[in-house]
Amino acid sequence: MSVRILVTDGMDAGAMETLRKDGFELVEKFYEPDELGAALKDFDCVIIRSATKIRKAQLDACQGGKLKMIIRAGVGIDNIDVDYAKEKGIEVKNTPRASSQAVAELALGHMFSCARFISPAGHTMREGKWEKKAYSKGIEVQGKTLGIVGYGRIGQHLGIMAKGIGMKVIAFDIFHIPGIEEQLGIPYVEMDELLSQADFISVHAPAVDGGALISAENIAKMKDGVVIINTSRGANVDEAALLEALENGKVRAAGLDVYADEPATNVALYSHPMVSCTPHIGAGTKEATKRIGEELVTIVKDFFK
């Protein structure tokens, strides 16, 4: 009997064809949360992205079924109750390497957008306006200090690119990778030091218990006119505190790809003229999708073959 795999949020077509040729049965279908658990009983594996959430309710509902593995096609696994899944004997995997460059490049794109008013300037032109004077007071990123909060693969990719365009780069992470400072020439610093020194702050940490990393308290410790970028998780930024700081000028601009609620509901924030916003597309490149697909194929084959 073939291994049945449910793909809920889409997957690279080439990777799906590879798995089918190798004898795996793939079903593409999105289930609402109250239907997902029962559906999972009939599958050996489920592959999800960010839209599908697998919580305790879904894991309880699929007990007694076939499910052996959950794969998150991407980096973050906070949309899965990982520990509970493992208690139930269900393996949880992700694809941490495949999308790192794509997310780092989007973060860099938001940095440029915030520095040079690219988002609002383009928007006003589409309204038939020519606001050259208003948008001729940009800043250059060269020579500025970038503080990276969360120095895993994505943060490292961003740091390398930022150094390449002449930025000074510092990083904070609760885990220090041996030898990485010497290898990349980017030092670890304490969080308060990063907050006080950085002209740009880019967040690349997983969501953790204990509140937002970009909180009102931490914003107060930042330079006036700082630019904040978040392509990690919406929970890492206190949206109310960020909006207030944008309004009073403490924060010059923000580049956001992730939000507390998705689809985003904080209209005042994402429509603010000094916010460069995208709808959670960090890993959304053709190249990353292909790499994710290749990594998924390897994970599935290694586990079931």
C-alpha atoms as a PDB file:
ATOM      1  CA  MET A   1       0.000   0.000   0.000  1.00  0.00           C
ATOM      2  CA  SER A   2       1.426   3.379  -1.029  1.00  0.00           C
ATOM      3  CA  VAL A   3       2.337   6.192   1.337  1.00  0.00           C
ATOM      4  CA  ARG A   4      -0.361   8.886   1.225  1.00  0.00           C
ATOM      5  CA  ILE A   5       0.730  12.517   1.560  1.00  0.00           C
ATOM      6  CA  LEU A   6      -1.590  15.486   2.053  1.00  0.00           C
ATOM      7  CA  VAL A   7      -0.349  18.811   0.651  1.00  0.00           C
ATOM      8  CA  THR A   8      -2.472  21.578   2.136  1.00  0.00           C
ATOM      9  CA  ASP A   9      -0.818  24.845   1.085  1.00  0.00           C
ATOM     10  CA  GLY A  10       0.789  24.085  -2.263  1.00  0.00           C
ATOM     11  CA  MET A  11       4.159  22.648  -3.256  1.00  0.00           C
ATOM     12  CA  ASP A  12       6.620  22.807  -6.145  1.00  0.00           C
ATOM     13  CA  ALA A  13       5.151  20.904  -9.093  1.00  0.00           C
ATOM     14  CA  GLY A  14       8.463  19.275  -9.967  1.00  0.00           C
ATOM     15  CA  ALA A  15       8.889  17.947  -6.446  1.00  0.00           C
ATOM     16  CA  MET A  16       5.363  16.552  -6.459  1.00  0.00           C
ATOM     17  CA  GLU A  17       5.995  14.794  -9.765  1.00  0.00           C
ATOM     18  CA  THR A  18       9.210  13.300  -8.395  1.00  0.00           C
ATOM     19  CA  LEU A  19       7.403  11.871  -5.384  1.00  0.00           C
ATOM     20  CA  ARG A  20       4.597  10.481  -7.521  1.00  0.00           C
ATOM     21  CA  LYS A  21       7.085   8.775  -9.834  1.00  0.00           C
ATOM     22  CA  ASP A  22       8.634   7.181  -6.751  1.00  0.00           C
ATOM     23  CA  GLY A  23       5.289   5.681  -5.775  1.00  0.00           C
ATOM     24  CA  PHE A  24       3.972   8.191  -3.255  1.00  0.00           C
ATOM     25  CA  GLU A  25       0.310   9.170  -3.452  1.00  0.00           C
ATOM     26  CA  LEU A  26      -0.140  12.948  -3.144  1.00  0.00           C
ATOM     27  CA  VAL A  27      -3.413  14.758  -2.516  1.00  0.00           C
ATOM     28  CA  GLU A  28      -3.592  18.548  -2.784  1.00  0.00           C
ATOM     29  CA  LYS A  29      -6.386  19.963  -0.629  1.00  0.00           C
ATOM     30  CA  PHE A  30      -6.795  22.690   1.982  1.00  0.00           C
ATOM     31  CA  TYR A  31      -8.963  21.811   4.997  1.00  0.00           C
ATOM     32  CA  GLU A  32     -10.550  24.206   7.444  1.00  0.00           C
ATOM     33  CA  PRO A  33      -9.254  23.739  11.025  1.00  0.00           C
ATOM     34  CA  ASP A  34     -12.357  21.885  12.233  1.00  0.00           C
ATOM     35  CA  GLU A  35     -12.088  19.401   9.357  1.00  0.00           C
ATOM     36  CA  LEU A  36      -8.336  18.927   9.199  1.00  0.00           C
ATOM     37  CA  GLY A  37      -7.842  16.574  12.155  1.00  0.00           C
ATOM     38  CA  ALA A  38     -10.261  13.923  10.908  1.00  0.00           C
ATOM     39  CA  ALA A  39      -8.841  14.186   7.399  1.00  0.00           C
ATOM     40  CA  LEU A  40      -5.311  13.557   8.660  1.00  0.00           C
ATOM     41  CA  LYS A  41      -6.313  10.069   9.791  1.00  0.00           C
ATOM     42  CA  ASP A  42      -6.150   8.907   6.187  1.00  0.00           C
ATOM     43  CA  PHE A  43      -2.639  10.208   5.477  1.00  0.00           C
ATOM     44  CA  ASP A  44       0.836   9.037   6.460  1.00  0.00           C
ATOM     45  CA  CYS A  45       2.312  12.519   6.051  1.00  0.00           C
ATOM     46  CA  VAL A  46       1.098  16.093   5.726  1.00  0.00           C
ATOM     47  CA  ILE A  47       3.077  18.936   4.121  1.00  0.00           C
ATOM     48  CA  ILE A  48       2.043  22.443   5.155  1.00  0.00           C
ATOM     49  CA  ARG A  49       3.225  26.022   4.792  1.00  0.00           C
ATOM     50  CA  SER A  50       2.053  28.961   6.917  1.00  0.00           C
ATOM     51  CA  ALA A  51      -1.687  28.896   6.163  1.00  0.00           C
ATOM     52  CA  THR A  52      -2.358  25.538   7.823  1.00  0.00           C
ATOM     53  CA  LYS A  53      -2.189  25.269  11.617  1.00  0.00           C
ATOM     54  CA  ILE A  54      -1.828  21.889  13.306  1.00  0.00           C
ATOM     55  CA  ARG A  55      -2.677  22.302  16.977  1.00  0.00           C
ATOM     56  CA  LYS A  56      -3.678  20.005  19.807  1.00  0.00           C
ATOM     57  CA  ALA A  57      -7.267  19.818  18.527  1.00  0.00           C
ATOM     58  CA  GLN A  58      -6.183  18.535  15.122  1.00  0.00           C
ATOM     59  CA  LEU A  59      -3.663  16.126  16.635  1.00  0.00           C
ATOM     60  CA  ASP A  60      -6.290  14.712  18.997  1.00  0.00           C
ATOM     61  CA  ALA A  61      -8.776  14.342  16.163  1.00  0.00           C
ATOM     62  CA  CYS A  62      -6.366  12.293  14.049  1.00  0.00           C
ATOM     63  CA  GLN A  63      -5.485   9.804  16.786  1.00  0.00           C
ATOM     64  CA  GLY A  64      -5.876   6.196  15.699  1.00  0.00           C
ATOM     65  CA  GLY A  65      -5.094   7.155  12.125  1.00  0.00           C
ATOM     66  CA  LYS A  66      -2.056   6.753   9.884  1.00  0.00           C
ATOM     67  CA  LEU A  67      -0.270  10.076  10.435  1.00  0.00           C
ATOM     68  CA  LYS A  68       3.444   9.604  11.074  1.00  0.00           C
ATOM     69  CA  MET A  69       5.014  12.890  10.009  1.00  0.00           C
ATOM     70  CA  ILE A  70       4.261  16.606   9.642  1.00  0.00           C
ATOM     71  CA  ILE A  71       6.534  18.661   7.396  1.00  0.00           C
ATOM     72  CA  ARG A  72       6.574  22.442   7.422  1.00  0.00           C
ATOM     73  CA  ALA A  73       7.715  23.644   3.986  1.00  0.00           C
ATOM     74  CA  GLY A  74       9.652  26.591   5.365  1.00  0.00           C
ATOM     75  CA  VAL A  75      11.597  27.656   8.425  1.00  0.00           C
ATOM     76  CA  GLY A  76       9.217  28.472  11.280  1.00  0.00           C
ATOM     77  CA  ILE A  77       7.278  25.657  12.945  1.00  0.00           C
ATOM     78  CA  ASP A  78       5.266  27.771  15.378  1.00  0.00           C
ATOM     79  CA  ASN A  79       2.070  26.860  13.489  1.00  0.00           C
ATOM     80  CA  ILE A  80       2.530  23.289  14.768  1.00  0.00           C
ATOM     81  CA  ASP A  81       2.244  22.058  18.358  1.00  0.00           C
ATOM     82  CA  VAL A  82       5.573  20.301  17.984  1.00  0.00           C
ATOM     83  CA  ASP A  83       5.996  18.839  21.470  1.00  0.00           C
ATOM     84  CA  TYR A  84       2.456  17.486  21.541  1.00  0.00           C
ATOM     85  CA  ALA A  85       2.899  15.928  18.102  1.00  0.00           C
ATOM     86  CA  LYS A  86       6.055  14.182  19.248  1.00  0.00           C
ATOM     87  CA  GLU A  87       4.269  12.927  22.375  1.00  0.00           C
ATOM     88  CA  LYS A  88       1.823  11.269  19.972  1.00  0.00           C
ATOM     89  CA  GLY A  89       4.674   9.641  18.050  1.00  0.00           C
ATOM     90  CA  ILE A  90       4.431  11.998  15.079  1.00  0.00           C
ATOM     91  CA  GLU A  91       7.697  13.270  13.622  1.00  0.00           C
ATOM     92  CA  VAL A  92       7.950  17.002  12.797  1.00  0.00           C
ATOM     93  CA  LYS A  93      10.344  18.332  10.161  1.00  0.00           C
ATOM     94  CA  ASN A  94      10.964  21.631   8.382  1.00  0.00           C
ATOM     95  CA  THR A  95      13.133  22.962   5.543  1.00  0.00           C
ATOM     96  CA  PRO A  96      15.374  25.512   7.273  1.00  0.00           C
ATOM     97  CA  ARG A  97      17.968  26.002   4.550  1.00  0.00           C
ATOM     98  CA  ALA A  98      15.896  26.372   1.394  1.00  0.00           C
ATOM     99  CA  SER A  99      14.345  29.827   1.850  1.00  0.00           C
ATOM    100  CA  SER A 100      17.071  31.680   3.762  1.00  0.00           C
ATOM    101  CA  GLN A 101      18.369  33.703   0.814  1.00  0.00           C
ATOM    102  CA  ALA A 102      14.868  34.656  -0.336  1.00  0.00           C
ATOM    103  CA  VAL A 103      13.845  35.996   3.083  1.00  0.00           C
ATOM    104  CA  ALA A 104      17.134  37.838   3.549  1.00  0.00           C
ATOM    105  CA  GLU A 105      16.768  39.520   0.160  1.00  0.00           C
ATOM    106  CA  LEU A 106      13.222  40.649   0.985  1.00  0.00           C
ATOM    107  CA  ALA A 107      14.462  42.135   4.271  1.00  0.00           C
ATOM    108  CA  LEU A 108      17.141  44.026   2.341  1.00  0.00           C
ATOM    109  CA  GLY A 109      14.523  45.183  -0.155  1.00  0.00           C
ATOM    110  CA  HIS A 110      12.407  46.589   2.669  1.00  0.00           C
ATOM    111  CA  MET A 111      15.473  48.371   4.043  1.00  0.00           C
ATOM    112  CA  PHE A 112      15.980  50.176   0.735  1.00  0.00           C
ATOM    113  CA  SER A 113      12.254  50.902   0.477  1.00  0.00           C
ATOM    114  CA  CYS A 114      12.233  52.488   3.929  1.00  0.00           C
ATOM    115  CA  ALA A 115      15.411  54.471   3.281  1.00  0.00           C
ATOM    116  CA  ARG A 116      14.217  55.963  -0.026  1.00  0.00           C
ATOM    117  CA  PHE A 117      10.397  56.138   0.294  1.00  0.00           C
ATOM    118  CA  ILE A 118      10.012  53.595  -2.529  1.00  0.00           C
ATOM    119  CA  SER A 119       6.620  52.318  -1.373  1.00  0.00           C
ATOM    120  CA  PRO A 120       4.823  55.657  -0.745  1.00  0.00           C
ATOM    121  CA  ALA A 121       6.494  57.391  -3.690  1.00  0.00           C
ATOM    122  CA  GLY A 122       5.328  54.684  -6.062  1.00  0.00           C
ATOM    123  CA  HIS A 123       1.842  54.732  -4.570  1.00  0.00           C
ATOM    124  CA  THR A 124       1.430  58.495  -5.006  1.00  0.00           C
ATOM    125  CA  MET A 125       2.619  58.299  -8.618  1.00  0.00           C
ATOM    126  CA  ARG A 126      -0.117  55.781  -9.336  1.00  0.00           C
ATOM    127  CA  GLU A 127      -2.523  58.377  -7.968  1.00  0.00           C
ATOM    128  CA  GLY A 128      -1.243  60.827 -10.599  1.00  0.00           C
ATOM    129  CA  LYS A 129       0.898  62.852  -8.165  1.00  0.00           C
ATOM    130  CA  TRP A 130       4.492  64.027  -8.599  1.00  0.00           C
ATOM    131  CA  GLU A 131       5.817  64.325  -5.032  1.00  0.00           C
ATOM    132  CA  LYS A 132       9.494  64.780  -5.862  1.00  0.00           C
ATOM    133  CA  LYS A 133      10.164  67.337  -3.146  1.00  0.00           C
ATOM    134  CA  ALA A 134       8.457  65.281  -0.436  1.00  0.00           C
ATOM    135  CA  TYR A 135      10.471  62.164  -1.251  1.00  0.00           C
ATOM    136  CA  SER A 136      13.889  63.743  -1.871  1.00  0.00           C
ATOM    137  CA  LYS A 137      14.932  63.477   1.771  1.00  0.00           C
ATOM    138  CA  GLY A 138      15.919  59.833   1.833  1.00  0.00           C
ATOM    139  CA  ILE A 139      18.905  58.306   3.590  1.00  0.00           C
ATOM    140  CA  GLU A 140      21.696  56.077   2.316  1.00  0.00           C
ATOM    141  CA  VAL A 141      22.281  52.673   3.864  1.00  0.00           C
ATOM    142  CA  GLN A 142      26.030  52.698   3.228  1.00  0.00           C
ATOM    143  CA  GLY A 143      27.880  53.548   6.420  1.00  0.00           C
ATOM    144  CA  LYS A 144      24.869  52.852   8.610  1.00  0.00           C
ATOM    145  CA  THR A 145      24.762  50.192  11.342  1.00  0.00           C
ATOM    146  CA  LEU A 146      22.476  47.198  10.865  1.00  0.00           C
ATOM    147  CA  GLY A 147      21.477  45.267  13.970  1.00  0.00           C
ATOM    148  CA  ILE A 148      20.294  41.726  13.271  1.00  0.00           C
ATOM    149  CA  VAL A 149      18.129  40.153  15.977  1.00  0.00           C
ATOM    150  CA  GLY A 150      18.279  36.383  15.505  1.00  0.00           C
ATOM    151  CA  TYR A 151      21.487  35.280  13.825  1.00  0.00           C
ATOM    152  CA  GLY A 152      20.602  32.007  12.159  1.00  0.00           C
ATOM    153  CA  ARG A 153      20.819  31.249   8.451  1.00  0.00           C
ATOM    154  CA  ILE A 154      18.586  34.133   7.341  1.00  0.00           C
ATOM    155  CA  GLY A 155      20.336  36.653   9.570  1.00  0.00           C
ATOM    156  CA  GLN A 156      23.712  35.486   8.314  1.00  0.00           C
ATOM    157  CA  HIS A 157      22.674  35.851   4.660  1.00  0.00           C
ATOM    158  CA  LEU A 158      21.410  39.370   5.359  1.00  0.00           C
ATOM    159  CA  GLY A 159      24.573  40.273   7.254  1.00  0.00           C
ATOM    160  CA  ILE A 160      26.803  39.200   4.376  1.00  0.00           C
ATOM    161  CA  MET A 161      24.786  41.252   1.868  1.00  0.00           C
ATOM    162  CA  ALA A 162      24.670  44.287   4.165  1.00  0.00           C
ATOM    163  CA  LYS A 163      28.445  44.223   4.621  1.00  0.00           C
ATOM    164  CA  GLY A 164      28.746  44.032   0.838  1.00  0.00           C
ATOM    165  CA  ILE A 165      26.985  47.381   0.467  1.00  0.00           C
ATOM    166  CA  GLY A 166      29.127  49.051   3.104  1.00  0.00           C
ATOM    167  CA  MET A 167      27.065  48.685   6.261  1.00  0.00           C
ATOM    168  CA  LYS A 168      28.448  47.966   9.704  1.00  0.00           C
ATOM    169  CA  VAL A 169      26.687  44.841  10.990  1.00  0.00           C
ATOM    170  CA  ILE A 170      26.172  43.636  14.565  1.00  0.00           C
ATOM    171  CA  ALA A 171      24.072  40.701  15.741  1.00  0.00           C
ATOM    172  CA  PHE A 172      22.229  39.473  18.811  1.00  0.00           C
ATOM    173  CA  ASP A 173      21.223  35.879  19.473  1.00  0.00           C
ATOM    174  CA  ILE A 174      20.727  33.879  22.641  1.00  0.00           C
ATOM    175  CA  PHE A 175      22.812  31.139  20.981  1.00  0.00           C
ATOM    176  CA  HIS A 176      26.342  31.911  19.808  1.00  0.00           C
ATOM    177  CA  ILE A 177      27.667  29.899  16.867  1.00  0.00           C
ATOM    178  CA  PRO A 178      31.348  29.071  17.473  1.00  0.00           C
ATOM    179  CA  GLY A 179      33.656  30.716  14.943  1.00  0.00           C
ATOM    180  CA  ILE A 180      30.937  32.660  13.089  1.00  0.00           C
ATOM    181  CA  GLU A 181      32.194  36.067  14.253  1.00  0.00           C
ATOM    182  CA  GLU A 182      35.633  35.436  12.808  1.00  0.00           C
ATOM    183  CA  GLN A 183      34.275  33.769   9.677  1.00  0.00           C
ATOM    184  CA  LEU A 184      31.869  36.570   8.714  1.00  0.00           C
ATOM    185  CA  GLY A 185      33.413  39.494  10.553  1.00  0.00           C
ATOM    186  CA  ILE A 186      30.118  40.277  12.285  1.00  0.00           C
ATOM    187  CA  PRO A 187      30.282  40.487  16.096  1.00  0.00           C
ATOM    188  CA  TYR A 188      27.710  39.371  18.615  1.00  0.00           C
ATOM    189  CA  VAL A 189      26.544  42.093  20.993  1.00  0.00           C
ATOM    190  CA  GLU A 190      24.066  42.242  23.843  1.00  0.00           C
ATOM    191  CA  MET A 191      20.503  43.243  22.984  1.00  0.00           C
ATOM    192  CA  ASP A 192      20.663  46.651  24.681  1.00  0.00           C
ATOM    193  CA  GLU A 193      23.881  47.469  22.833  1.00  0.00           C
ATOM    194  CA  LEU A 194      22.283  46.544  19.523  1.00  0.00           C
ATOM    195  CA  LEU A 195      19.196  48.631  20.275  1.00  0.00           C
ATOM    196  CA  SER A 196      21.242  51.716  21.106  1.00  0.00           C
ATOM    197  CA  GLN A 197      23.709  51.467  18.211  1.00  0.00           C
ATOM    198  CA  ALA A 198      21.692  50.302  15.194  1.00  0.00           C
ATOM    199  CA  ASP A 199      20.281  52.613  12.523  1.00  0.00           C
ATOM    200  CA  PHE A 200      18.405  49.667  11.018  1.00  0.00           C
ATOM    201  CA  ILE A 201      17.110  46.697  13.019  1.00  0.00           C
ATOM    202  CA  SER A 202      16.021  43.518  11.234  1.00  0.00           C
ATOM    203  CA  VAL A 203      14.305  40.724  13.157  1.00  0.00           C
ATOM    204  CA  HIS A 204      14.954  37.085  12.220  1.00  0.00           C
ATOM    205  CA  ALA A 205      14.086  35.246  15.423  1.00  0.00           C
ATOM    206  CA  PRO A 206      11.344  32.664  15.986  1.00  0.00           C
ATOM    207  CA  ALA A 207       8.338  33.723  18.009  1.00  0.00           C
ATOM    208  CA  VAL A 208       8.972  32.968  21.675  1.00  0.00           C
ATOM    209  CA  ASP A 209       7.027  33.174  24.900  1.00  0.00           C
ATOM    210  CA  GLY A 210       7.641  36.278  26.926  1.00  0.00           C
ATOM    211  CA  GLY A 211       6.343  39.030  24.687  1.00  0.00           C
ATOM    212  CA  ALA A 212       7.434  40.927  21.608  1.00  0.00           C
ATOM    213  CA  LEU A 213      11.116  41.524  20.924  1.00  0.00           C
ATOM    214  CA  ILE A 214      10.220  44.907  19.468  1.00  0.00           C
ATOM    215  CA  SER A 215       8.274  46.213  22.446  1.00  0.00           C
ATOM    216  CA  ALA A 216       7.576  49.736  23.646  1.00  0.00           C
ATOM    217  CA  GLU A 217      10.364  49.310  26.193  1.00  0.00           C
ATOM    218  CA  ASN A 218      12.890  48.246  23.558  1.00  0.00           C
ATOM    219  CA  ILE A 219      11.810  50.908  21.069  1.00  0.00           C
ATOM    220  CA  ALA A 220      12.555  53.521  23.753  1.00  0.00           C
ATOM    221  CA  LYS A 221      16.145  52.238  23.857  1.00  0.00           C
ATOM    222  CA  MET A 222      16.637  52.704  20.102  1.00  0.00           C
ATOM    223  CA  LYS A 223      18.106  55.635  18.228  1.00  0.00           C
ATOM    224  CA  ASP A 224      15.697  58.329  17.088  1.00  0.00           C
ATOM    225  CA  GLY A 225      14.876  57.712  13.434  1.00  0.00           C
ATOM    226  CA  VAL A 226      15.593  53.987  13.516  1.00  0.00           C
ATOM    227  CA  VAL A 227      14.225  51.743  10.763  1.00  0.00           C
ATOM    228  CA  ILE A 228      12.656  48.437  11.844  1.00  0.00           C
ATOM    229  CA  ILE A 229      12.298  45.423   9.552  1.00  0.00           C
ATOM    230  CA  ASN A 230      10.354  42.277  10.420  1.00  0.00           C
ATOM    231  CA  THR A 231      10.265  39.264   8.122  1.00  0.00           C
ATOM    232  CA  SER A 232      10.198  36.702  10.948  1.00  0.00           C
ATOM    233  CA  ARG A 233       6.955  36.376  12.894  1.00  0.00           C
ATOM    234  CA  GLY A 234       4.289  38.976  13.576  1.00  0.00           C
ATOM    235  CA  ALA A 235       4.331  38.244  17.311  1.00  0.00           C
ATOM    236  CA  ASN A 236       7.882  39.584  17.495  1.00  0.00           C
ATOM    237  CA  VAL A 237       6.631  43.163  17.085  1.00  0.00           C
ATOM    238  CA  ASP A 238       4.198  44.997  19.360  1.00  0.00           C
ATOM    239  CA  GLU A 239       2.148  46.576  16.579  1.00  0.00           C
ATOM    240  CA  ALA A 240       0.539  49.211  18.809  1.00  0.00           C
ATOM    241  CA  ALA A 241       3.945  50.319  20.111  1.00  0.00           C
ATOM    242  CA  LEU A 242       5.379  50.403  16.593  1.00  0.00           C
ATOM    243  CA  LEU A 243       2.485  52.478  15.253  1.00  0.00           C
ATOM    244  CA  GLU A 244       2.841  54.976  18.104  1.00  0.00           C
ATOM    245  CA  ALA A 245       6.588  55.242  17.434  1.00  0.00           C
ATOM    246  CA  LEU A 246       5.947  55.831  13.721  1.00  0.00           C
ATOM    247  CA  GLU A 247       3.447  58.545  14.569  1.00  0.00           C
ATOM    248  CA  ASN A 248       5.767  60.406  16.949  1.00  0.00           C
ATOM    249  CA  GLY A 249       8.848  59.997  14.754  1.00  0.00           C
ATOM    250  CA  LYS A 250      10.881  57.799  17.094  1.00  0.00           C
ATOM    251  CA  VAL A 251      10.842  55.194  14.312  1.00  0.00           C
ATOM    252  CA  ARG A 252      11.515  56.604  10.857  1.00  0.00           C
ATOM    253  CA  ALA A 253       9.972  53.718   8.938  1.00  0.00           C
ATOM    254  CA  ALA A 254       9.153  50.023   9.130  1.00  0.00           C
ATOM    255  CA  GLY A 255       9.317  47.198   6.609  1.00  0.00           C
ATOM    256  CA  LEU A 256       6.853  44.422   7.434  1.00  0.00           C
ATOM    257  CA  ASP A 257       6.201  41.049   5.820  1.00  0.00           C
ATOM    258  CA  VAL A 258       4.519  39.424   8.835  1.00  0.00           C
ATOM    259  CA  TYR A 259       1.730  40.540  11.166  1.00  0.00           C
ATOM    260  CA  ALA A 260       0.039  39.687  14.449  1.00  0.00           C
ATOM    261  CA  ASP A 261      -3.006  38.514  12.482  1.00  0.00           C
ATOM    262  CA  GLU A 262      -2.769  37.081   8.991  1.00  0.00           C
ATOM    263  CA  PRO A 263      -4.321  38.148   6.712  1.00  0.00           C
ATOM    264  CA  ALA A 264      -3.359  41.473   8.297  1.00  0.00           C
ATOM    265  CA  THR A 265      -6.126  43.359  10.101  1.00  0.00           C
ATOM    266  CA  ASN A 266      -4.210  46.344  11.510  1.00  0.00           C
ATOM    267  CA  VAL A 267      -5.171  48.785   8.768  1.00  0.00           C
ATOM    268  CA  ALA A 268      -3.667  51.791  10.542  1.00  0.00           C
ATOM    269  CA  LEU A 269      -0.270  50.075  10.577  1.00  0.00           C
ATOM    270  CA  TYR A 270      -0.030  48.571   7.114  1.00  0.00           C
ATOM    271  CA  SER A 271      -1.518  51.667   5.467  1.00  0.00           C
ATOM    272  CA  HIS A 272       0.816  54.059   7.293  1.00  0.00           C
ATOM    273  CA  PRO A 273       2.812  56.112   4.751  1.00  0.00           C
ATOM    274  CA  MET A 274       6.101  55.132   6.386  1.00  0.00           C
ATOM    275  CA  VAL A 275       5.436  51.400   6.313  1.00  0.00           C
ATOM    276  CA  SER A 276       6.717  49.271   3.453  1.00  0.00           C
ATOM    277  CA  CYS A 277       4.504  46.205   3.559  1.00  0.00           C
ATOM    278  CA  THR A 278       4.216  42.823   1.846  1.00  0.00           C
ATOM    279  CA  PRO A 279       1.772  39.946   2.533  1.00  0.00           C
ATOM    280  CA  HIS A 280       4.094  37.298   4.071  1.00  0.00           C
ATOM    281  CA  ILE A 281       6.008  36.564   0.860  1.00  0.00           C
ATOM    282  CA  GLY A 282       9.447  36.076   2.412  1.00  0.00           C
ATOM    283  CA  ALA A 283      10.014  32.628   0.925  1.00  0.00           C
ATOM    284  CA  GLY A 284       8.026  33.411  -2.205  1.00  0.00           C
ATOM    285  CA  THR A 285      10.594  33.136  -4.979  1.00  0.00           C
ATOM    286  CA  LYS A 286      10.796  30.591  -7.783  1.00  0.00           C
ATOM    287  CA  GLU A 287      14.250  29.582  -6.620  1.00  0.00           C
ATOM    288  CA  ALA A 288      13.248  29.116  -2.979  1.00  0.00           C
ATOM    289  CA  THR A 289      10.136  27.165  -3.941  1.00  0.00           C
ATOM    290  CA  LYS A 290      12.264  24.796  -5.994  1.00  0.00           C
ATOM    291  CA  ARG A 291      14.819  24.375  -3.206  1.00  0.00           C
ATOM    292  CA  ILE A 292      12.057  23.771  -0.664  1.00  0.00           C
ATOM    293  CA  GLY A 293      10.576  21.136  -2.978  1.00  0.00           C
ATOM    294  CA  GLU A 294      13.926  19.385  -3.316  1.00  0.00           C
ATOM    295  CA  GLU A 295      14.388  19.385   0.450  1.00  0.00           C
ATOM    296  CA  LEU A 296      10.871  18.017   0.950  1.00  0.00           C
ATOM    297  CA  VAL A 297      11.578  15.154  -1.461  1.00  0.00           C
ATOM    298  CA  THR A 298      14.715  14.246   0.494  1.00  0.00           C
ATOM    299  CA  ILE A 299      12.891  14.340   3.849  1.00  0.00           C
ATOM    300  CA  VAL A 300      10.018  12.171   2.608  1.00  0.00           C
ATOM    301  CA  LYS A 301      12.266   9.608   0.938  1.00  0.00           C
ATOM    302  CA  ASP A 302      14.608   9.355   3.899  1.00  0.00           C
ATOM    303  CA  PHE A 303      11.722   8.817   6.304  1.00  0.00           C
ATOM    304  CA  PHE A 304       9.501   6.425   4.336  1.00  0.00           C
ATOM    305  CA  LYS A 305      12.030   4.518   2.251  1.00  0.00           C
END
